[in-house]
Amino acid sequence: MVRNLHIPSGSVFLEGELVVPAAAAGIVLFAHGSGSSRFSPRNQYVARILRDAGIGTLLFDLLTRDEEVVDLRTGELRFDINLLAERLADATSWIKSQLQSDHLRIGYFGASTGAAAALVAAAKLGGAIAAIVSRGGRPDLAAEALSHVESPTLLIVGGRDEVVIQLNQDAYVKLACEKELKIIPGATHLFEEPGALEEAARLAADWFRKHLAAPNGRRMPAVE
């Protein structure tokens, strides 16, 4: 069951949708890429794969509708990584309070510039974030925050996305946490090739299953 949300962050409210399967191992917050939204078909697809794997998902807009109108004209807000990271951190705190679960394990899935926001937010929140997956991400935009990330991080890049491969390889060196870099052969930046997005989603599900499992084996309740 989809639960539509209005998530407070500073003086604004962010629209989102939460789905938590029965006995979920944890919940993954999605940070979409530049010029995208919670309706991104690629992130929606990955979210379905995660839910099939027993993981809850929260897809939400990092910008308000008014801000999106401005951003379509200027393109500035989508690259304001500190703003996006702050909103992701606010959403994390809010969803934990709403679900009232002390053992709730949180993960981040970031695409493009959203990956940078996820890494910056995780660097601030420390051990509160159990895992991060970046798909076609721009981790380089996280800058000095990279060396402060504690969360196990998986970087997924398309094999034909040469510029982004280099940016991820450079960021990988700076990460001091548990980490992996996976390159999907033949895939371009948007993973539109047959089987490319499916492979990225499989890798993400495996990573989150591994790292969101609570040490004591407890699982969170479903949201009705």
Protein backbone atom coordinates (compact mmCIF):
# COMPACT_ATOMS: atom_id res chain seq x y z
CA MET A 1 0.00 0.00 0.00
CA VAL A 2 1.37 3.41 -1.00
CA ARG A 3 1.28 6.08 1.67
CA ASN A 4 1.44 9.62 0.26
CA LEU A 5 3.42 12.01 2.46
CA HIS A 6 4.17 15.68 2.96
CA ILE A 7 7.61 15.74 4.56
CA PRO A 8 8.64 18.87 6.49
CA SER A 9 12.06 20.37 5.77
CA GLY A 10 12.74 23.85 7.07
CA SER A 11 9.94 26.11 5.82
CA VAL A 12 8.75 23.77 3.04
CA PHE A 13 6.99 20.43 2.61
CA LEU A 14 8.26 17.79 0.19
CA GLU A 15 5.90 15.36 -1.52
CA GLY A 16 6.69 11.68 -1.32
CA GLU A 17 5.40 8.12 -1.38
CA LEU A 18 6.27 5.44 1.15
CA VAL A 19 5.81 1.70 0.69
CA VAL A 20 6.95 -0.74 3.38
CA PRO A 21 6.50 -4.49 2.73
CA ALA A 22 5.55 -6.79 5.57
CA ALA A 23 8.51 -7.55 7.86
CA ALA A 24 10.81 -5.28 5.84
CA ALA A 25 14.51 -5.37 6.68
CA GLY A 26 14.80 -1.59 6.45
CA ILE A 27 13.91 1.36 4.27
CA VAL A 28 15.72 3.07 1.39
CA LEU A 29 15.31 6.78 0.69
CA PHE A 30 15.75 7.77 -2.95
CA ALA A 31 17.62 10.93 -3.93
CA HIS A 32 16.82 11.53 -7.59
CA GLY A 33 19.10 13.15 -10.12
CA SER A 34 19.14 16.57 -11.71
CA GLY A 35 15.89 17.59 -13.37
CA SER A 36 14.08 14.47 -12.15
CA SER A 37 11.41 13.71 -9.53
CA ARG A 38 9.90 10.90 -7.47
CA PHE A 39 8.16 9.76 -10.67
CA SER A 40 11.45 8.89 -12.41
CA PRO A 41 10.69 5.59 -14.21
CA ARG A 42 14.20 4.31 -13.50
CA ASN A 43 14.00 4.95 -9.76
CA GLN A 44 10.43 3.63 -9.67
CA TYR A 45 11.70 0.42 -11.28
CA VAL A 46 14.56 0.05 -8.80
CA ALA A 47 12.14 0.72 -5.94
CA ARG A 48 9.90 -2.15 -7.09
CA ILE A 49 12.89 -4.49 -7.18
CA LEU A 50 13.88 -3.44 -3.65
CA ARG A 51 10.37 -4.00 -2.35
CA ASP A 52 10.32 -7.45 -3.96
CA ALA A 53 13.50 -8.08 -1.94
CA GLY A 54 11.73 -7.14 1.30
CA ILE A 55 13.00 -3.56 1.58
CA GLY A 56 10.81 -0.49 2.13
CA THR A 57 11.14 2.53 -0.15
CA LEU A 58 10.58 6.26 0.18
CA LEU A 59 10.62 8.21 -3.08
CA PHE A 60 10.19 11.94 -2.61
CA ASP A 61 10.84 15.23 -4.37
CA LEU A 62 13.89 17.12 -3.16
CA LEU A 63 12.39 20.36 -4.51
CA THR A 64 8.91 21.84 -4.09
CA ARG A 65 6.71 22.39 -7.14
CA ASP A 66 7.50 26.12 -7.14
CA GLU A 67 11.22 25.39 -6.87
CA GLU A 68 11.00 22.93 -9.76
CA VAL A 69 9.52 25.67 -11.96
CA VAL A 70 12.45 27.93 -11.09
CA ASP A 71 14.95 25.13 -11.57
CA LEU A 72 13.60 24.27 -15.03
CA ARG A 73 14.43 27.82 -16.04
CA THR A 74 17.76 28.29 -14.26
CA GLY A 75 19.09 24.77 -13.55
CA GLU A 76 20.63 26.07 -10.32
CA LEU A 77 18.84 24.23 -7.52
CA ARG A 78 19.53 20.75 -8.88
CA PHE A 79 23.25 21.40 -8.31
CA ASP A 80 22.82 22.88 -4.82
CA ILE A 81 24.17 19.74 -3.19
CA ASN A 82 24.15 21.17 0.34
CA LEU A 83 20.45 22.08 0.04
CA LEU A 84 19.55 18.66 -1.35
CA ALA A 85 21.59 16.89 1.34
CA GLU A 86 19.95 18.92 4.08
CA ARG A 87 16.51 17.93 2.80
CA LEU A 88 17.50 14.29 2.58
CA ALA A 89 18.74 14.40 6.17
CA ASP A 90 15.50 16.10 7.28
CA ALA A 91 13.46 13.41 5.51
CA THR A 92 15.54 10.74 7.25
CA SER A 93 14.88 12.14 10.71
CA TRP A 94 11.19 12.66 9.97
CA ILE A 95 10.53 9.19 8.60
CA LYS A 96 12.26 7.58 11.56
CA SER A 97 10.06 9.57 13.93
CA GLN A 98 6.91 8.69 11.97
CA LEU A 99 7.60 4.97 11.96
CA GLN A 100 8.69 5.10 15.63
CA SER A 101 11.13 2.27 15.23
CA ASP A 102 14.39 2.35 17.16
CA HIS A 103 15.80 -0.55 15.15
CA LEU A 104 14.90 0.93 11.75
CA ARG A 105 17.81 0.61 9.32
CA ILE A 106 18.08 3.36 6.71
CA GLY A 107 19.75 3.26 3.31
CA TYR A 108 20.16 5.83 0.53
CA PHE A 109 19.85 5.26 -3.22
CA GLY A 110 21.16 8.21 -5.21
CA ALA A 111 21.25 8.86 -8.96
CA SER A 112 23.29 11.53 -10.75
CA THR A 113 23.51 14.64 -8.51
CA GLY A 114 21.30 12.86 -5.97
CA ALA A 115 24.18 10.51 -5.24
CA ALA A 116 26.28 13.46 -4.12
CA ALA A 117 23.46 14.64 -1.86
CA ALA A 118 23.21 11.14 -0.38
CA LEU A 119 26.93 11.02 0.37
CA VAL A 120 26.95 14.50 1.96
CA ALA A 121 23.91 13.68 4.10
CA ALA A 122 25.43 10.35 5.15
CA ALA A 123 28.69 12.06 6.10
CA LYS A 124 26.70 14.30 8.46
CA LEU A 125 24.56 11.51 9.91
CA GLY A 126 27.38 9.00 10.40
CA GLY A 127 26.33 5.54 11.52
CA ALA A 128 22.62 6.37 11.16
CA ILE A 129 22.85 5.43 7.47
CA ALA A 130 23.44 1.70 7.03
CA ALA A 131 24.23 1.67 3.30
CA ILE A 132 24.44 3.81 0.15
CA VAL A 133 24.05 2.89 -3.52
CA SER A 134 24.92 5.33 -6.30
CA ARG A 135 23.62 4.68 -9.85
CA GLY A 136 25.32 6.74 -12.54
CA GLY A 137 26.15 9.15 -9.75
CA ARG A 138 28.24 12.27 -9.40
CA PRO A 139 30.04 11.45 -6.15
CA ASP A 140 32.70 13.99 -7.09
CA LEU A 141 30.19 16.73 -6.20
CA ALA A 142 30.28 15.53 -2.59
CA ALA A 143 33.83 16.95 -2.46
CA GLU A 144 35.45 16.83 0.99
CA ALA A 145 32.48 14.94 2.48
CA LEU A 146 33.67 11.75 0.75
CA SER A 147 36.40 11.05 3.28
CA HIS A 148 33.87 11.35 6.15
CA VAL A 149 31.34 8.82 4.85
CA GLU A 150 31.07 5.83 7.21
CA SER A 151 28.26 4.00 5.40
CA PRO A 152 29.13 1.03 3.15
CA THR A 153 28.91 2.48 -0.35
CA LEU A 154 28.34 0.83 -3.72
CA LEU A 155 29.07 2.86 -6.86
CA ILE A 156 27.38 1.57 -10.05
CA VAL A 157 28.39 3.04 -13.42
CA GLY A 158 27.66 2.19 -17.03
CA GLY A 159 30.61 0.82 -18.99
CA ARG A 160 30.05 3.32 -21.81
CA ASP A 161 29.71 6.30 -19.47
CA GLU A 162 33.41 7.09 -19.65
CA VAL A 163 33.48 10.53 -18.03
CA VAL A 164 31.36 9.38 -15.11
CA ILE A 165 33.49 6.24 -14.72
CA GLN A 166 36.54 8.42 -14.15
CA LEU A 167 34.65 10.65 -11.68
CA ASN A 168 33.55 7.57 -9.74
CA GLN A 169 37.01 6.05 -9.77
CA ASP A 170 38.44 9.27 -8.34
CA ALA A 171 35.72 9.39 -5.67
CA TYR A 172 36.24 5.71 -4.84
CA VAL A 173 39.83 6.41 -3.84
CA LYS A 174 38.67 9.12 -1.41
CA LEU A 175 36.07 6.97 0.30
CA ALA A 176 37.40 5.47 3.54
CA CYS A 177 34.37 3.25 4.24
CA GLU A 178 33.54 -0.26 3.03
CA LYS A 179 33.09 0.24 -0.70
CA GLU A 180 32.71 -1.35 -4.11
CA LEU A 181 32.72 -0.01 -7.66
CA LYS A 182 30.69 -1.99 -10.21
CA ILE A 183 30.81 -1.20 -13.92
CA ILE A 184 27.99 -2.64 -16.05
CA PRO A 185 29.37 -3.46 -19.51
CA GLY A 186 27.63 -1.78 -22.44
CA ALA A 187 25.50 0.53 -20.30
CA THR A 188 25.32 4.28 -20.89
CA HIS A 189 24.50 6.97 -18.33
CA LEU A 190 20.75 6.28 -18.14
CA PHE A 191 21.07 2.47 -18.22
CA GLU A 192 18.61 2.29 -21.11
CA GLU A 193 20.21 -0.73 -22.78
CA PRO A 194 18.47 -4.14 -22.46
CA GLY A 195 19.23 -5.66 -19.08
CA ALA A 196 21.33 -2.72 -17.82
CA LEU A 197 18.86 -1.27 -15.34
CA GLU A 198 17.87 -4.75 -14.22
CA GLU A 199 21.50 -5.51 -13.37
CA ALA A 200 21.89 -2.21 -11.52
CA ALA A 201 18.73 -2.93 -9.52
CA ARG A 202 19.93 -6.44 -8.68
CA LEU A 203 23.26 -5.12 -7.43
CA ALA A 204 21.47 -2.50 -5.34
CA ALA A 205 19.08 -5.04 -3.82
CA ASP A 206 21.96 -7.35 -2.90
CA TRP A 207 23.88 -4.48 -1.29
CA PHE A 208 20.93 -3.29 0.76
CA ARG A 209 19.92 -6.82 1.80
CA LYS A 210 23.43 -7.33 3.11
CA HIS A 211 23.76 -4.05 5.00
CA LEU A 212 20.22 -3.29 6.14
CA ALA A 213 19.80 -6.57 7.98
CA ALA A 214 19.74 -5.70 11.67
CA PRO A 215 22.42 -7.40 13.79
CA ASN A 216 19.74 -8.84 16.10
CA GLY A 217 17.61 -10.05 13.20
CA ARG A 218 14.66 -7.80 14.07
CA ARG A 219 12.55 -6.44 11.25
CA MET A 220 10.36 -3.38 11.01
CA PRO A 221 6.55 -3.59 10.81
CA ALA A 222 4.62 -3.02 7.59
CA VAL A 223 2.91 0.32 7.04
CA GLU A 224 -0.81 -0.19 6.42
